[in-house]
Amino acid sequence: MAKYLLLLHLPKDVDAELSPAEMQAIIQKYSNWRERLSREGRFLGGHKLGADRRVLRRDNGRVSVTDGPYGEAKEVLAGYFLVEADSYEHAVALATAGPHLDRGTVEIREVDH
C-alpha cells in the first residue's frame, strides 16, 4: 500500500475573523476526520503547522534565511496528513471525505519509496 502526503493549503488570514466557538467547531471536524482515518488504519500522522515561516536558500555557498510566505502569496501551507491508500484515486477519496476542502485546497503527493 502506498503512502500519500495531503498538504493542506488555506487562504492567507482565513482564520482571522473566526470566533472561538467557530474555531472549536472547525478543530472538531478535523479531529473527527483524523479519528475516522485512524479507525480505518489509514492515518499515519499529521499536524497543523505554526504561523512562523522561514525560507532557506543557498547562493554562492552562503545560506540566506527570509520570512515567508511572501506578501503576494494567496495561500499558505497550514498542515498535513500522512495517509496510507490503495491508489492515488483512493487518496483523493480520503481527502475529499475530510473537512479541508470547505476552507482551502489539498495537494496530494505520493511518498516516493
N, C-alpha and C. Protein backbone atom coordinates (compact mmCIF):
# COMPACT_ATOMS: atom_id res chain seq x y z
N MET A 1 0.84 -1.18 0.00
CA MET A 1 0.00 0.00 0.00
C MET A 1 0.89 1.25 0.00
N ALA A 2 0.50 2.25 -0.75
CA ALA A 2 1.29 3.47 -0.88
C ALA A 2 0.94 4.49 0.20
N LYS A 3 1.88 5.38 0.45
CA LYS A 3 1.67 6.48 1.39
C LYS A 3 1.52 7.76 0.59
N TYR A 4 0.63 8.61 1.08
CA TYR A 4 0.36 9.89 0.42
C TYR A 4 0.39 11.01 1.44
N LEU A 5 1.00 12.11 1.04
CA LEU A 5 1.03 13.30 1.87
C LEU A 5 -0.06 14.24 1.37
N LEU A 6 -1.00 14.56 2.25
CA LEU A 6 -2.05 15.50 1.92
C LEU A 6 -1.62 16.86 2.48
N LEU A 7 -1.21 17.76 1.62
CA LEU A 7 -0.75 19.09 2.02
C LEU A 7 -1.96 20.02 2.04
N LEU A 8 -2.26 20.56 3.21
CA LEU A 8 -3.47 21.35 3.42
C LEU A 8 -3.15 22.83 3.31
N HIS A 9 -3.62 23.45 2.24
CA HIS A 9 -3.39 24.87 1.99
C HIS A 9 -4.64 25.66 2.35
N LEU A 10 -4.45 26.85 2.91
CA LEU A 10 -5.56 27.75 3.25
C LEU A 10 -5.28 29.13 2.69
N PRO A 11 -6.36 29.87 2.38
CA PRO A 11 -6.15 31.27 2.02
C PRO A 11 -5.49 32.00 3.20
N LYS A 12 -4.60 32.89 2.88
CA LYS A 12 -3.90 33.66 3.91
C LYS A 12 -4.91 34.40 4.79
N ASP A 13 -4.72 34.34 6.10
CA ASP A 13 -5.56 35.03 7.10
C ASP A 13 -7.01 34.57 7.11
N VAL A 14 -7.30 33.35 6.66
CA VAL A 14 -8.67 32.86 6.61
C VAL A 14 -9.29 32.75 8.00
N ASP A 15 -8.48 32.52 9.03
CA ASP A 15 -9.00 32.33 10.38
C ASP A 15 -9.07 33.63 11.18
N ALA A 16 -8.67 34.73 10.62
CA ALA A 16 -8.54 35.99 11.36
C ALA A 16 -9.86 36.45 11.99
N GLU A 17 -10.98 36.22 11.35
CA GLU A 17 -12.26 36.74 11.83
C GLU A 17 -13.10 35.70 12.56
N LEU A 18 -12.57 34.51 12.81
CA LEU A 18 -13.35 33.45 13.43
C LEU A 18 -13.49 33.66 14.94
N SER A 19 -14.66 33.37 15.45
CA SER A 19 -14.87 33.41 16.89
C SER A 19 -14.27 32.15 17.51
N PRO A 20 -14.03 32.13 18.81
CA PRO A 20 -13.53 30.92 19.45
C PRO A 20 -14.45 29.71 19.23
N ALA A 21 -15.74 29.91 19.25
CA ALA A 21 -16.69 28.81 19.03
C ALA A 21 -16.57 28.27 17.60
N GLU A 22 -16.43 29.16 16.64
CA GLU A 22 -16.27 28.72 15.25
C GLU A 22 -14.97 27.95 15.08
N MET A 23 -13.90 28.41 15.71
CA MET A 23 -12.61 27.73 15.62
C MET A 23 -12.71 26.34 16.25
N GLN A 24 -13.37 26.23 17.39
CA GLN A 24 -13.55 24.92 18.05
C GLN A 24 -14.33 23.96 17.16
N ALA A 25 -15.34 24.45 16.47
CA ALA A 25 -16.14 23.61 15.57
C ALA A 25 -15.29 23.09 14.42
N ILE A 26 -14.42 23.93 13.90
CA ILE A 26 -13.52 23.52 12.81
C ILE A 26 -12.53 22.48 13.31
N ILE A 27 -11.94 22.72 14.48
CA ILE A 27 -10.99 21.78 15.06
C ILE A 27 -11.65 20.43 15.28
N GLN A 28 -12.90 20.42 15.72
CA GLN A 28 -13.62 19.17 15.95
C GLN A 28 -13.82 18.39 14.65
N LYS A 29 -14.09 19.09 13.55
CA LYS A 29 -14.24 18.42 12.26
C LYS A 29 -12.95 17.72 11.85
N TYR A 30 -11.80 18.39 12.06
CA TYR A 30 -10.52 17.77 11.72
C TYR A 30 -10.22 16.58 12.65
N SER A 31 -10.58 16.71 13.92
CA SER A 31 -10.39 15.60 14.87
C SER A 31 -11.23 14.39 14.46
N ASN A 32 -12.45 14.65 14.07
CA ASN A 32 -13.33 13.56 13.62
C ASN A 32 -12.77 12.88 12.39
N TRP A 33 -12.25 13.67 11.45
CA TRP A 33 -11.66 13.11 10.23
C TRP A 33 -10.46 12.24 10.58
N ARG A 34 -9.58 12.76 11.44
CA ARG A 34 -8.39 12.00 11.86
C ARG A 34 -8.79 10.70 12.56
N GLU A 35 -9.79 10.77 13.43
CA GLU A 35 -10.24 9.56 14.14
C GLU A 35 -10.82 8.53 13.17
N ARG A 36 -11.58 8.99 12.18
CA ARG A 36 -12.15 8.08 11.17
C ARG A 36 -11.03 7.40 10.38
N LEU A 37 -10.04 8.19 9.95
CA LEU A 37 -8.91 7.61 9.21
C LEU A 37 -8.13 6.63 10.09
N SER A 38 -7.99 6.94 11.37
CA SER A 38 -7.29 6.05 12.30
C SER A 38 -8.03 4.72 12.45
N ARG A 39 -9.34 4.79 12.61
CA ARG A 39 -10.13 3.55 12.73
C ARG A 39 -10.00 2.67 11.50
N GLU A 40 -9.85 3.30 10.34
CA GLU A 40 -9.72 2.56 9.09
C GLU A 40 -8.27 2.10 8.85
N GLY A 41 -7.36 2.47 9.75
CA GLY A 41 -5.95 2.10 9.58
C GLY A 41 -5.24 2.89 8.50
N ARG A 42 -5.73 4.07 8.18
CA ARG A 42 -5.18 4.88 7.09
C ARG A 42 -4.32 6.04 7.57
N PHE A 43 -4.54 6.52 8.79
CA PHE A 43 -3.84 7.69 9.31
C PHE A 43 -2.46 7.31 9.82
N LEU A 44 -1.42 7.95 9.27
CA LEU A 44 -0.05 7.68 9.68
C LEU A 44 0.56 8.85 10.45
N GLY A 45 -0.04 10.02 10.36
CA GLY A 45 0.46 11.19 11.07
C GLY A 45 -0.08 12.47 10.46
N GLY A 46 0.14 13.55 11.17
CA GLY A 46 -0.30 14.84 10.66
C GLY A 46 -0.29 15.88 11.75
N HIS A 47 -0.17 17.13 11.33
CA HIS A 47 -0.14 18.24 12.27
C HIS A 47 -0.58 19.52 11.59
N LYS A 48 -1.15 20.41 12.39
CA LYS A 48 -1.36 21.79 11.97
C LYS A 48 0.01 22.46 12.08
N LEU A 49 0.34 23.30 11.13
CA LEU A 49 1.63 23.98 11.16
C LEU A 49 1.48 25.36 11.79
N GLY A 50 2.52 25.79 12.50
CA GLY A 50 2.51 27.09 13.15
C GLY A 50 2.61 28.23 12.15
N ALA A 51 2.39 29.43 12.64
CA ALA A 51 2.37 30.61 11.79
C ALA A 51 3.76 31.12 11.42
N ASP A 52 4.79 30.77 12.21
CA ASP A 52 6.15 31.24 11.94
C ASP A 52 6.72 30.47 10.75
N ARG A 53 7.08 31.20 9.69
CA ARG A 53 7.56 30.56 8.46
C ARG A 53 8.86 31.21 8.02
N ARG A 54 9.79 30.37 7.59
CA ARG A 54 11.08 30.85 7.08
C ARG A 54 11.43 30.07 5.81
N VAL A 55 12.15 30.72 4.92
CA VAL A 55 12.63 30.09 3.70
C VAL A 55 14.15 30.18 3.69
N LEU A 56 14.81 29.04 3.47
CA LEU A 56 16.27 29.00 3.38
C LEU A 56 16.68 28.78 1.93
N ARG A 57 17.72 29.51 1.51
CA ARG A 57 18.27 29.36 0.16
C ARG A 57 19.78 29.41 0.25
N ARG A 58 20.43 28.67 -0.65
CA ARG A 58 21.89 28.73 -0.74
C ARG A 58 22.22 29.44 -2.05
N ASP A 59 23.07 30.45 -1.96
CA ASP A 59 23.50 31.21 -3.13
C ASP A 59 25.00 31.47 -2.98
N ASN A 60 25.79 30.94 -3.93
CA ASN A 60 27.25 31.09 -3.89
C ASN A 60 27.84 30.64 -2.56
N GLY A 61 27.32 29.52 -2.04
CA GLY A 61 27.86 28.96 -0.82
C GLY A 61 27.34 29.59 0.46
N ARG A 62 26.57 30.66 0.37
CA ARG A 62 26.02 31.31 1.56
C ARG A 62 24.54 30.99 1.69
N VAL A 63 24.12 30.74 2.92
CA VAL A 63 22.71 30.43 3.18
C VAL A 63 22.03 31.71 3.66
N SER A 64 20.92 32.02 3.04
CA SER A 64 20.12 33.16 3.49
C SER A 64 18.80 32.64 4.04
N VAL A 65 18.28 33.32 5.04
CA VAL A 65 17.02 32.97 5.66
C VAL A 65 16.11 34.18 5.54
N THR A 66 14.95 33.98 4.95
CA THR A 66 13.99 35.07 4.81
C THR A 66 12.65 34.65 5.40
N ASP A 67 11.85 35.65 5.75
CA ASP A 67 10.50 35.37 6.23
C ASP A 67 9.66 34.88 5.06
N GLY A 68 8.72 34.04 5.35
CA GLY A 68 7.81 33.54 4.33
C GLY A 68 6.48 33.27 4.98
N PRO A 69 5.41 33.07 4.28
CA PRO A 69 5.35 33.23 2.83
C PRO A 69 5.41 34.71 2.46
N TYR A 70 5.65 34.95 1.24
CA TYR A 70 5.78 36.32 0.79
C TYR A 70 4.42 37.00 0.70
N GLY A 71 4.43 38.31 0.74
CA GLY A 71 3.20 39.10 0.75
C GLY A 71 2.25 38.79 -0.40
N GLU A 72 2.80 38.43 -1.55
CA GLU A 72 1.93 38.16 -2.70
C GLU A 72 1.31 36.77 -2.67
N ALA A 73 1.72 35.94 -1.72
CA ALA A 73 1.15 34.58 -1.61
C ALA A 73 -0.31 34.67 -1.21
N LYS A 74 -1.15 33.95 -1.93
CA LYS A 74 -2.58 33.96 -1.62
C LYS A 74 -2.94 32.82 -0.66
N GLU A 75 -2.12 31.77 -0.64
CA GLU A 75 -2.37 30.63 0.22
C GLU A 75 -1.12 30.30 1.02
N VAL A 76 -1.33 29.67 2.16
CA VAL A 76 -0.22 29.20 2.98
C VAL A 76 -0.42 27.72 3.28
N LEU A 77 0.68 27.02 3.49
CA LEU A 77 0.62 25.62 3.89
C LEU A 77 0.27 25.60 5.37
N ALA A 78 -0.91 25.09 5.70
CA ALA A 78 -1.43 25.17 7.06
C ALA A 78 -1.22 23.88 7.85
N GLY A 79 -1.02 22.76 7.16
CA GLY A 79 -0.85 21.50 7.85
C GLY A 79 -0.73 20.35 6.87
N TYR A 80 -0.68 19.14 7.42
CA TYR A 80 -0.57 17.97 6.56
C TYR A 80 -1.14 16.75 7.26
N PHE A 81 -1.58 15.81 6.47
CA PHE A 81 -1.95 14.48 6.92
C PHE A 81 -1.13 13.50 6.09
N LEU A 82 -0.57 12.49 6.72
CA LEU A 82 0.10 11.41 6.02
C LEU A 82 -0.82 10.21 6.12
N VAL A 83 -1.23 9.68 4.97
CA VAL A 83 -2.19 8.58 4.95
C VAL A 83 -1.66 7.43 4.11
N GLU A 84 -2.25 6.27 4.33
CA GLU A 84 -1.97 5.10 3.52
C GLU A 84 -3.21 4.83 2.68
N ALA A 85 -3.01 4.64 1.39
CA ALA A 85 -4.14 4.44 0.48
C ALA A 85 -3.80 3.37 -0.54
N ASP A 86 -4.83 2.75 -1.09
CA ASP A 86 -4.67 1.68 -2.08
C ASP A 86 -4.18 2.21 -3.42
N SER A 87 -4.49 3.48 -3.72
CA SER A 87 -4.14 4.08 -5.01
C SER A 87 -4.24 5.60 -4.88
N TYR A 88 -3.82 6.30 -5.92
CA TYR A 88 -3.96 7.75 -5.93
C TYR A 88 -5.43 8.14 -5.83
N GLU A 89 -6.29 7.42 -6.56
CA GLU A 89 -7.72 7.70 -6.53
C GLU A 89 -8.29 7.51 -5.13
N HIS A 90 -7.78 6.50 -4.42
CA HIS A 90 -8.21 6.27 -3.05
C HIS A 90 -7.76 7.42 -2.15
N ALA A 91 -6.55 7.93 -2.35
CA ALA A 91 -6.06 9.08 -1.58
C ALA A 91 -6.94 10.30 -1.84
N VAL A 92 -7.36 10.48 -3.09
CA VAL A 92 -8.28 11.57 -3.42
C VAL A 92 -9.60 11.40 -2.66
N ALA A 93 -10.10 10.18 -2.60
CA ALA A 93 -11.35 9.92 -1.87
C ALA A 93 -11.18 10.21 -0.37
N LEU A 94 -10.04 9.82 0.20
CA LEU A 94 -9.80 10.09 1.62
C LEU A 94 -9.75 11.60 1.88
N ALA A 95 -9.09 12.34 1.00
CA ALA A 95 -9.00 13.80 1.16
C ALA A 95 -10.37 14.46 0.98
N THR A 96 -11.13 13.97 0.02
CA THR A 96 -12.45 14.53 -0.25
C THR A 96 -13.41 14.31 0.92
N ALA A 97 -13.23 13.22 1.65
CA ALA A 97 -14.10 12.91 2.79
C ALA A 97 -13.81 13.78 4.00
N GLY A 98 -12.71 14.51 3.99
CA GLY A 98 -12.35 15.37 5.12
C GLY A 98 -12.92 16.75 4.98
N PRO A 99 -12.75 17.59 6.00
CA PRO A 99 -13.36 18.92 6.01
C PRO A 99 -12.55 20.00 5.30
N HIS A 100 -11.34 19.71 4.87
CA HIS A 100 -10.46 20.79 4.43
C HIS A 100 -10.94 21.49 3.16
N LEU A 101 -11.56 20.79 2.26
CA LEU A 101 -11.99 21.42 1.00
C LEU A 101 -13.08 22.46 1.20
N ASP A 102 -13.69 22.47 2.40
CA ASP A 102 -14.67 23.52 2.72
C ASP A 102 -13.98 24.87 2.92
N ARG A 103 -12.67 24.86 3.19
CA ARG A 103 -11.95 26.08 3.54
C ARG A 103 -10.75 26.37 2.65
N GLY A 104 -10.19 25.32 2.03
CA GLY A 104 -8.95 25.52 1.28
C GLY A 104 -8.77 24.46 0.22
N THR A 105 -7.51 24.20 -0.11
CA THR A 105 -7.19 23.21 -1.14
C THR A 105 -6.29 22.14 -0.54
N VAL A 106 -6.29 20.98 -1.18
CA VAL A 106 -5.45 19.86 -0.75
C VAL A 106 -4.56 19.47 -1.92
N GLU A 107 -3.27 19.46 -1.69
CA GLU A 107 -2.30 18.97 -2.66
C GLU A 107 -1.94 17.55 -2.22
N ILE A 108 -2.02 16.60 -3.14
CA ILE A 108 -1.74 15.21 -2.81
C ILE A 108 -0.44 14.79 -3.49
N ARG A 109 0.49 14.29 -2.69
CA ARG A 109 1.78 13.83 -3.20
C ARG A 109 2.05 12.42 -2.70
N GLU A 110 2.32 11.52 -3.63
CA GLU A 110 2.70 10.17 -3.23
C GLU A 110 4.11 10.21 -2.65
N VAL A 111 4.30 9.51 -1.54
CA VAL A 111 5.61 9.43 -0.92
C VAL A 111 6.43 8.42 -1.72
N ASP A 112 7.56 8.85 -2.24
CA ASP A 112 8.41 8.01 -3.07
C ASP A 112 9.08 6.94 -2.19
N HIS A 113 9.18 5.76 -2.72
CA HIS A 113 9.77 4.65 -1.95
C HIS A 113 11.27 4.73 -1.98
